[in-house]
Amino acid sequence: MLMKEKIKEQRLKKGLTQKQLAEFLNIPLSTLKNYEQGLRAPDYKTLKKFKEFFECSYDDLIE
């Protein structure tokens, strides 16, 4: 599974919309959409936000 799919999967498990997750992580909605579409990859700081919010490991997001 690709990172874009894993981010979306984790978001849906929490029952969140893209807008809600972007607000929780304090990132622009357009940026989150780009991550989920595979157009961009999060930098380390943002990846850490995902990891902490979803309470998962980096491996759960990137492998």
N, C-alpha and C. Protein backbone atom coordinates (compact mmCIF):
# COMPACT_ATOMS: atom_id res chain seq x y z
N MET A 1 0.85 -1.18 0.00
CA MET A 1 0.00 0.00 0.00
C MET A 1 0.89 1.24 0.00
N LEU A 2 0.53 2.23 -0.76
CA LEU A 2 1.29 3.46 -0.87
C LEU A 2 0.98 4.41 0.28
N MET A 3 1.91 5.35 0.53
CA MET A 3 1.72 6.29 1.62
C MET A 3 0.41 7.05 1.49
N LYS A 4 0.07 7.46 0.28
CA LYS A 4 -1.16 8.22 0.09
C LYS A 4 -2.38 7.40 0.55
N GLU A 5 -2.35 6.10 0.28
CA GLU A 5 -3.45 5.23 0.70
C GLU A 5 -3.46 5.04 2.21
N LYS A 6 -2.28 4.97 2.80
CA LYS A 6 -2.19 4.76 4.24
C LYS A 6 -2.68 5.98 5.01
N ILE A 7 -2.35 7.17 4.51
CA ILE A 7 -2.83 8.38 5.17
C ILE A 7 -4.36 8.43 5.12
N LYS A 8 -4.90 8.15 3.96
CA LYS A 8 -6.36 8.17 3.80
C LYS A 8 -7.01 7.09 4.67
N GLU A 9 -6.42 5.92 4.68
CA GLU A 9 -6.96 4.83 5.50
C GLU A 9 -6.98 5.21 6.98
N GLN A 10 -5.90 5.78 7.46
CA GLN A 10 -5.83 6.18 8.87
C GLN A 10 -6.88 7.26 9.17
N ARG A 11 -7.04 8.20 8.25
CA ARG A 11 -8.04 9.27 8.43
C ARG A 11 -9.45 8.69 8.51
N LEU A 12 -9.75 7.77 7.60
CA LEU A 12 -11.08 7.17 7.58
C LEU A 12 -11.34 6.31 8.82
N LYS A 13 -10.31 5.65 9.33
CA LYS A 13 -10.46 4.86 10.57
C LYS A 13 -10.91 5.74 11.72
N LYS A 14 -10.44 6.98 11.73
CA LYS A 14 -10.82 7.93 12.79
C LYS A 14 -12.14 8.62 12.47
N GLY A 15 -12.69 8.36 11.29
CA GLY A 15 -13.97 8.95 10.92
C GLY A 15 -13.89 10.44 10.64
N LEU A 16 -12.77 10.89 10.10
CA LEU A 16 -12.56 12.31 9.85
C LEU A 16 -12.66 12.66 8.38
N THR A 17 -13.11 13.88 8.12
CA THR A 17 -13.05 14.40 6.76
C THR A 17 -11.64 14.94 6.54
N GLN A 18 -11.32 15.23 5.29
CA GLN A 18 -10.02 15.84 5.00
C GLN A 18 -9.90 17.19 5.71
N LYS A 19 -10.97 17.95 5.69
CA LYS A 19 -10.95 19.27 6.33
C LYS A 19 -10.68 19.15 7.83
N GLN A 20 -11.34 18.22 8.48
CA GLN A 20 -11.13 18.04 9.93
C GLN A 20 -9.69 17.66 10.23
N LEU A 21 -9.14 16.72 9.47
CA LEU A 21 -7.77 16.29 9.72
C LEU A 21 -6.80 17.44 9.46
N ALA A 22 -6.99 18.17 8.40
CA ALA A 22 -6.11 19.31 8.11
C ALA A 22 -6.14 20.31 9.26
N GLU A 23 -7.31 20.55 9.82
CA GLU A 23 -7.42 21.47 10.94
C GLU A 23 -6.71 20.93 12.18
N PHE A 24 -6.89 19.65 12.48
CA PHE A 24 -6.23 19.04 13.64
C PHE A 24 -4.71 19.13 13.50
N LEU A 25 -4.21 18.92 12.29
CA LEU A 25 -2.76 18.91 12.06
C LEU A 25 -2.20 20.30 11.76
N ASN A 26 -3.10 21.27 11.62
CA ASN A 26 -2.71 22.65 11.32
C ASN A 26 -1.92 22.74 10.01
N ILE A 27 -2.48 22.08 8.99
CA ILE A 27 -1.90 22.16 7.64
C ILE A 27 -3.01 22.57 6.69
N PRO A 28 -2.67 23.19 5.57
CA PRO A 28 -3.71 23.57 4.60
C PRO A 28 -4.44 22.34 4.04
N LEU A 29 -5.73 22.50 3.82
CA LEU A 29 -6.53 21.42 3.25
C LEU A 29 -5.97 20.99 1.91
N SER A 30 -5.55 21.94 1.10
CA SER A 30 -5.01 21.61 -0.22
C SER A 30 -3.77 20.73 -0.11
N THR A 31 -2.97 20.96 0.93
CA THR A 31 -1.77 20.15 1.14
C THR A 31 -2.15 18.71 1.47
N LEU A 32 -3.12 18.55 2.36
CA LEU A 32 -3.58 17.20 2.72
C LEU A 32 -4.14 16.49 1.48
N LYS A 33 -4.90 17.20 0.69
CA LYS A 33 -5.45 16.60 -0.53
C LYS A 33 -4.33 16.13 -1.45
N ASN A 34 -3.28 16.94 -1.55
CA ASN A 34 -2.14 16.56 -2.38
C ASN A 34 -1.46 15.30 -1.85
N TYR A 35 -1.36 15.18 -0.52
CA TYR A 35 -0.78 13.97 0.08
C TYR A 35 -1.62 12.75 -0.28
N GLU A 36 -2.94 12.88 -0.14
CA GLU A 36 -3.82 11.74 -0.39
C GLU A 36 -3.92 11.38 -1.88
N GLN A 37 -3.61 12.32 -2.74
CA GLN A 37 -3.62 12.05 -4.18
C GLN A 37 -2.25 11.60 -4.67
N GLY A 38 -1.26 11.64 -3.79
CA GLY A 38 0.08 11.23 -4.17
C GLY A 38 0.84 12.27 -4.98
N LEU A 39 0.36 13.51 -4.96
CA LEU A 39 1.03 14.58 -5.70
C LEU A 39 2.20 15.17 -4.93
N ARG A 40 2.15 15.04 -3.63
CA ARG A 40 3.21 15.51 -2.74
C ARG A 40 3.40 14.49 -1.63
N ALA A 41 4.57 14.53 -1.03
CA ALA A 41 4.85 13.69 0.14
C ALA A 41 5.13 14.63 1.31
N PRO A 42 4.66 14.25 2.49
CA PRO A 42 4.90 15.12 3.65
C PRO A 42 6.38 15.17 4.02
N ASP A 43 6.80 16.34 4.50
CA ASP A 43 8.16 16.46 5.01
C ASP A 43 8.22 15.79 6.38
N TYR A 44 9.41 15.74 6.95
CA TYR A 44 9.58 15.01 8.22
C TYR A 44 8.69 15.59 9.33
N LYS A 45 8.62 16.90 9.43
CA LYS A 45 7.83 17.54 10.49
C LYS A 45 6.35 17.17 10.37
N THR A 46 5.83 17.18 9.15
CA THR A 46 4.43 16.84 8.93
C THR A 46 4.20 15.35 9.12
N LEU A 47 5.13 14.54 8.68
CA LEU A 47 5.02 13.10 8.88
C LEU A 47 4.96 12.77 10.38
N LYS A 48 5.73 13.51 11.16
CA LYS A 48 5.70 13.33 12.62
C LYS A 48 4.33 13.70 13.19
N LYS A 49 3.70 14.73 12.65
CA LYS A 49 2.35 15.11 13.09
C LYS A 49 1.36 13.97 12.81
N PHE A 50 1.47 13.40 11.61
CA PHE A 50 0.60 12.26 11.27
C PHE A 50 0.83 11.11 12.25
N LYS A 51 2.07 10.79 12.47
CA LYS A 51 2.44 9.67 13.36
C LYS A 51 1.86 9.87 14.75
N GLU A 52 2.03 11.05 15.28
CA GLU A 52 1.54 11.33 16.64
C GLU A 52 0.01 11.36 16.69
N PHE A 53 -0.61 11.96 15.69
CA PHE A 53 -2.07 12.05 15.68
C PHE A 53 -2.70 10.68 15.55
N PHE A 54 -2.17 9.86 14.65
CA PHE A 54 -2.74 8.53 14.42
C PHE A 54 -2.23 7.49 15.41
N GLU A 55 -1.25 7.88 16.25
CA GLU A 55 -0.67 6.97 17.23
C GLU A 55 -0.18 5.69 16.56
N CYS A 56 0.66 5.89 15.55
CA CYS A 56 1.21 4.76 14.82
C CYS A 56 2.71 4.99 14.62
N SER A 57 3.36 4.03 14.03
CA SER A 57 4.79 4.17 13.76
C SER A 57 4.99 4.79 12.37
N TYR A 58 6.22 5.23 12.13
CA TYR A 58 6.53 5.74 10.80
C TYR A 58 6.34 4.64 9.76
N ASP A 59 6.70 3.43 10.13
CA ASP A 59 6.53 2.30 9.21
C ASP A 59 5.07 2.11 8.79
N ASP A 60 4.14 2.38 9.71
CA ASP A 60 2.73 2.25 9.38
C ASP A 60 2.31 3.25 8.31
N LEU A 61 3.06 4.32 8.17
CA LEU A 61 2.71 5.34 7.18
C LEU A 61 3.49 5.25 5.89
N ILE A 62 4.74 4.77 5.97
CA ILE A 62 5.58 4.86 4.77
C ILE A 62 5.89 3.53 4.11
N GLU A 63 5.67 2.42 4.76
CA GLU A 63 6.01 1.14 4.13
C GLU A 63 4.78 0.40 3.68
